[in-house]
Protein backbone atom coordinates (compact mmCIF):
# COMPACT_ATOMS: atom_id res chain seq x y z
CA MET A 1 -9.67 -19.65 35.46
CA LYS A 2 -7.11 -17.45 33.70
CA ILE A 3 -4.09 -19.08 32.08
CA ALA A 4 -1.15 -17.41 30.35
CA ILE A 5 0.29 -19.15 27.30
CA ILE A 6 3.82 -18.09 26.36
CA SER A 7 6.29 -19.28 23.73
CA ASP A 8 9.61 -18.59 22.02
CA ILE A 9 11.50 -16.80 24.80
CA HIS A 10 14.92 -17.35 23.17
CA GLY A 11 17.07 -16.40 26.12
CA ASN A 12 15.58 -12.93 26.49
CA MET A 13 15.45 -12.34 30.23
CA GLN A 14 14.24 -8.73 29.95
CA ALA A 15 11.28 -9.82 27.84
CA LEU A 16 10.38 -12.70 30.15
CA ASP A 17 10.52 -10.48 33.23
CA ALA A 18 8.17 -7.94 31.63
CA VAL A 19 5.74 -10.66 30.54
CA LEU A 20 5.75 -12.32 33.97
CA ASP A 21 4.91 -8.95 35.54
CA ASN A 22 2.03 -8.55 33.08
CA ILE A 23 0.82 -12.10 33.79
CA LYS A 24 0.76 -11.24 37.49
CA GLU A 25 -1.22 -8.06 36.78
CA GLU A 26 -3.71 -10.16 34.80
CA ASN A 27 -4.13 -12.51 37.79
CA CYS A 28 -3.35 -15.64 35.77
CA GLU A 29 -3.29 -18.81 37.86
CA LYS A 30 -1.27 -21.00 35.50
CA ILE A 31 1.36 -20.60 32.80
CA PHE A 32 1.66 -22.88 29.78
CA CYS A 33 4.95 -22.56 27.86
CA LEU A 34 5.32 -23.89 24.32
CA GLY A 35 9.12 -24.06 24.24
CA ASP A 36 12.09 -22.47 22.48
CA LEU A 37 13.61 -21.28 25.73
CA ALA A 38 17.17 -20.41 24.86
CA MET A 39 18.57 -20.59 21.33
CA ALA A 40 20.11 -17.54 19.64
CA GLY A 41 19.25 -15.20 22.47
CA PRO A 42 21.04 -12.99 24.98
CA GLU A 43 21.31 -15.41 27.94
CA PRO A 44 20.56 -19.05 27.03
CA SER A 45 21.89 -20.87 30.10
CA LYS A 46 20.54 -18.30 32.53
CA MET A 47 17.12 -18.58 30.89
CA ILE A 48 16.95 -22.36 31.25
CA GLU A 49 17.87 -21.98 34.92
CA ARG A 50 15.12 -19.39 35.34
CA ILE A 51 12.51 -21.64 33.71
CA GLN A 52 13.51 -24.55 35.93
CA LYS A 53 12.99 -22.30 38.95
CA LEU A 54 9.57 -21.22 37.69
CA ILE A 55 8.53 -24.86 37.30
CA HIS A 56 9.31 -25.48 40.98
CA GLU A 57 7.82 -22.24 42.28
CA THR A 58 4.69 -21.73 40.14
CA ASP A 59 2.01 -23.69 38.28
CA PHE A 60 4.08 -23.90 35.10
CA THR A 61 3.60 -26.45 32.30
CA LEU A 62 6.33 -26.75 29.65
CA ILE A 63 6.74 -28.57 26.34
CA GLN A 64 9.75 -28.82 24.01
CA GLY A 65 10.32 -26.44 21.13
CA ASN A 66 12.28 -27.30 18.00
CA THR A 67 15.31 -25.26 19.08
CA ASP A 68 15.26 -26.88 22.53
CA GLU A 69 15.54 -30.18 20.68
CA MET A 70 18.36 -28.76 18.54
CA ILE A 71 20.44 -27.64 21.53
CA ALA A 72 19.91 -30.99 23.27
CA GLY A 73 20.80 -33.06 20.19
CA CYS A 74 23.27 -30.88 18.31
CA ASP A 75 25.98 -32.67 16.33
CA ASN A 76 28.35 -31.84 13.46
CA GLN A 77 25.83 -32.94 10.83
CA MET A 78 23.15 -30.63 12.21
CA LEU A 79 25.58 -27.71 12.33
CA HIS A 80 26.73 -28.39 8.76
CA MET A 81 23.17 -28.48 7.41
CA LEU A 82 22.19 -25.33 9.30
CA ARG A 83 25.34 -23.50 8.23
CA GLU A 84 24.51 -24.09 4.55
CA ASN A 85 21.16 -22.31 4.92
CA ASN A 86 21.67 -19.88 7.78
CA PRO A 87 25.25 -19.43 8.99
CA VAL A 88 24.38 -16.90 11.71
CA MET A 89 21.90 -19.28 13.32
CA ALA A 90 24.47 -22.08 13.05
CA ASN A 91 27.00 -19.91 14.85
CA ALA A 92 24.40 -19.10 17.53
CA LEU A 93 23.57 -22.77 18.03
CA GLU A 94 27.25 -23.69 18.31
CA ALA A 95 27.75 -20.99 20.95
CA ASP A 96 24.62 -22.07 22.83
CA VAL A 97 25.75 -25.69 22.95
CA LEU A 98 29.04 -24.61 24.53
CA GLU A 99 27.31 -22.39 27.11
CA VAL A 100 24.43 -24.67 28.15
CA SER A 101 25.40 -27.30 30.71
CA GLU A 102 24.95 -31.03 30.19
CA SER A 103 22.28 -31.19 32.87
CA GLN A 104 20.41 -28.36 31.13
CA LYS A 105 20.66 -30.23 27.81
CA ASN A 106 19.21 -33.30 29.49
CA PHE A 107 16.39 -31.14 30.85
CA LEU A 108 15.60 -29.88 27.33
CA ARG A 109 15.91 -33.37 25.86
CA ASP A 110 13.39 -34.85 28.30
CA LEU A 111 10.65 -32.28 27.72
CA PRO A 112 7.43 -33.60 26.14
CA LYS A 113 6.84 -32.59 22.52
CA THR A 114 3.11 -32.01 23.06
CA LYS A 115 0.74 -32.05 26.00
CA GLU A 116 -3.02 -32.49 26.42
CA LEU A 117 -4.85 -30.92 29.35
CA THR A 118 -8.46 -30.31 30.37
CA VAL A 119 -9.35 -27.12 32.25
CA ASP A 120 -12.94 -26.34 33.31
CA GLY A 121 -14.21 -28.85 30.76
CA VAL A 122 -12.15 -27.33 27.93
CA LYS A 123 -9.78 -29.74 26.20
CA ILE A 124 -6.46 -28.10 25.33
CA LEU A 125 -3.57 -29.30 23.17
CA LEU A 126 -0.17 -27.64 23.51
CA VAL A 127 2.20 -27.90 20.53
CA HIS A 128 5.19 -25.89 19.41
CA GLY A 129 4.77 -25.73 15.63
CA SER A 130 1.74 -27.84 14.76
CA PRO A 131 0.31 -31.16 15.99
CA ARG A 132 2.23 -32.82 13.12
CA LYS A 133 5.69 -31.26 13.46
CA ASN A 134 7.43 -29.02 15.95
CA ASN A 135 8.82 -26.84 13.14
CA GLU A 136 5.68 -26.50 11.02
CA ASN A 137 4.45 -22.93 10.55
CA ILE A 138 0.96 -21.74 11.43
CA PHE A 139 1.05 -18.23 9.98
CA PRO A 140 -1.74 -15.61 9.83
CA ASP A 141 -2.23 -15.91 6.06
CA LEU A 142 -2.85 -19.65 5.68
CA LYS A 143 -5.94 -21.01 4.00
CA LEU A 144 -8.31 -22.55 6.52
CA GLU A 145 -8.04 -25.91 4.72
CA GLU A 146 -4.28 -25.90 5.35
CA VAL A 147 -4.77 -25.36 9.07
CA GLU A 148 -7.44 -28.05 9.21
CA GLU A 149 -5.07 -30.50 7.52
CA MET A 150 -2.36 -29.72 10.08
CA ILE A 151 -4.66 -30.46 13.03
CA LYS A 152 -6.39 -33.47 11.46
CA GLY A 153 -6.85 -36.29 13.97
CA THR A 154 -6.92 -34.02 17.02
CA ASP A 155 -10.00 -33.50 19.17
CA ALA A 156 -8.96 -30.61 21.42
CA ASN A 157 -11.26 -27.61 21.71
CA ILE A 158 -8.21 -25.33 21.60
CA ILE A 159 -4.79 -25.90 20.06
CA PHE A 160 -2.09 -23.47 21.18
CA CYS A 161 1.09 -23.12 19.10
CA GLY A 162 4.07 -20.82 18.64
CA HIS A 163 7.21 -21.20 16.49
CA THR A 164 6.52 -18.51 13.88
CA HIS A 165 6.79 -15.59 16.35
CA VAL A 166 3.70 -14.09 14.69
CA PRO A 167 0.38 -14.18 16.60
CA CYS A 168 -2.80 -15.32 14.84
CA GLY A 169 -5.92 -17.43 15.30
CA TYR A 170 -8.31 -19.67 13.36
CA GLN A 171 -11.76 -21.11 13.94
CA THR A 172 -12.10 -24.35 11.99
CA ASN A 173 -15.08 -26.12 10.46
CA THR A 174 -14.55 -28.83 13.08
CA ASN A 175 -15.32 -26.21 15.74
CA GLN A 176 -11.73 -26.14 16.97
CA THR A 177 -9.86 -22.98 17.88
CA VAL A 178 -6.20 -22.70 16.80
CA VAL A 179 -4.15 -19.90 18.36
CA ASN A 180 -0.55 -18.93 17.66
CA VAL A 181 0.49 -17.08 20.81
CA GLY A 182 3.39 -15.15 19.25
CA SER A 183 6.81 -14.71 20.84
CA VAL A 184 7.99 -13.41 24.18
CA GLY A 185 11.65 -12.98 23.29
CA ARG A 186 11.95 -12.51 19.53
CA PRO A 187 8.79 -10.86 18.18
CA PHE A 188 8.87 -10.21 14.44
CA SER A 189 7.65 -6.67 13.98
CA GLU A 190 9.01 -3.23 13.20
CA LYS A 191 8.31 -2.06 16.75
CA PRO A 192 8.77 -5.26 18.72
CA LYS A 193 6.74 -5.96 21.82
CA SER A 194 6.57 -9.25 23.65
CA CYS A 195 3.42 -11.17 22.82
CA TYR A 196 1.57 -13.93 24.64
CA ALA A 197 -2.00 -15.19 25.00
CA ILE A 198 -4.43 -15.36 27.90
CA LEU A 199 -7.09 -18.06 28.08
CA GLU A 200 -10.04 -17.54 30.41
CA THR A 201 -12.29 -20.53 31.04
CA GLN A 202 -15.61 -20.95 32.83
CA ASN A 203 -17.97 -23.93 32.83
CA GLY A 204 -16.81 -25.28 29.47
CA SER A 205 -16.72 -21.93 27.67
CA PHE A 206 -13.67 -19.79 27.03
CA THR A 207 -12.27 -16.52 25.72
CA ILE A 208 -8.76 -15.86 24.38
CA LYS A 209 -6.84 -12.64 23.89
CA HIS A 210 -3.30 -11.64 22.93
CA ASN A 211 -1.36 -9.24 25.15
CA LEU A 212 1.44 -7.02 23.82
CA VAL A 213 4.02 -6.01 26.41
CA ASP A 214 6.78 -3.39 26.30
CA TYR A 215 10.16 -4.50 27.65
CA ASP A 216 13.74 -3.24 27.90
CA VAL A 217 14.66 -4.23 24.36
CA LYS A 218 17.77 -2.01 24.37
CA THR A 219 19.39 -3.92 27.23
CA ALA A 220 18.47 -7.29 25.73
CA SER A 221 19.97 -6.25 22.38
CA GLU A 222 23.18 -5.03 24.04
CA ILE A 223 23.65 -8.30 25.93
CA LEU A 224 23.12 -10.34 22.76
CA SER A 225 25.50 -8.17 20.74
CA LYS A 226 28.31 -8.96 23.21
CA ARG A 227 28.00 -12.76 23.07
CA GLY A 228 30.93 -12.94 20.70
CA PHE A 229 29.88 -15.39 17.98
CA GLU A 230 29.97 -14.24 14.37
CA GLY A 231 26.67 -12.60 13.49
CA CYS A 232 25.50 -11.91 17.05
CA GLU A 233 25.20 -8.21 16.17
CA LYS A 234 22.73 -9.08 13.40
CA LEU A 235 20.57 -11.03 15.83
CA ALA A 236 20.82 -8.19 18.33
CA SER A 237 19.60 -5.67 15.76
CA MET A 238 16.62 -7.91 14.99
CA LEU A 239 15.42 -7.47 18.57
CA LEU A 240 15.19 -3.75 17.87
CA HIS A 241 13.67 -3.96 14.40
CA ALA A 242 12.67 -7.30 12.91
CA THR A 243 11.14 -7.38 9.46
CA SER A 244 12.41 -10.83 8.46
CA ARG A 245 12.39 -14.13 10.26
CA TYR A 246 16.11 -14.84 10.01
CA PRO A 247 19.20 -12.61 9.79
CA GLN A 248 20.26 -11.75 6.26
């Protein structure tokens, strides 16, 4: 069985469309999504609506990302704390909260934080950041001991994560595979391409690969730049050329 694992779409409809086309070309039978559907992207409300449609029309499994949780539970204290560290992201969150409907917020709020599944005898754990925290970073340059500490207490053969927007993978001393699938909608690279992972299973064995996908980044950037909140142009430029995680 072939399964696509996607994460961190961040309201980028052009990126999602391109990735879904690629998933179809790859003949994937299921899609697992690790969250961060809407925040700080071109079309947050439209994206949530699209994901809800995919859940009804396809074999689509979804968990909650940290920014899904933020949109669903945003209050003045959260905005104040975020504004102290990253005012552009605070402005984006405030705009998202106004755009996303109450029913969509309830949808985000009710999503599971993690999910365990078994496919062809392979035990899989879906998380957003790490098994410990939805905003913990599994980056490419971690020491193996750090990764093993993050997944301590889990028994899945494969742990899929996102959050950092940077793809990577680890094979642990406990014979577990940890894969960061990268980002569909906000890849962090000088020449950004959407990134996701494909899992292929057969009789208890598996292979995993990352796919890089070109998309209409110019249109996505233009839509984001017109959202109107202070700093949206900075976020839009990061879709074209991202060398840092957050806008400066």
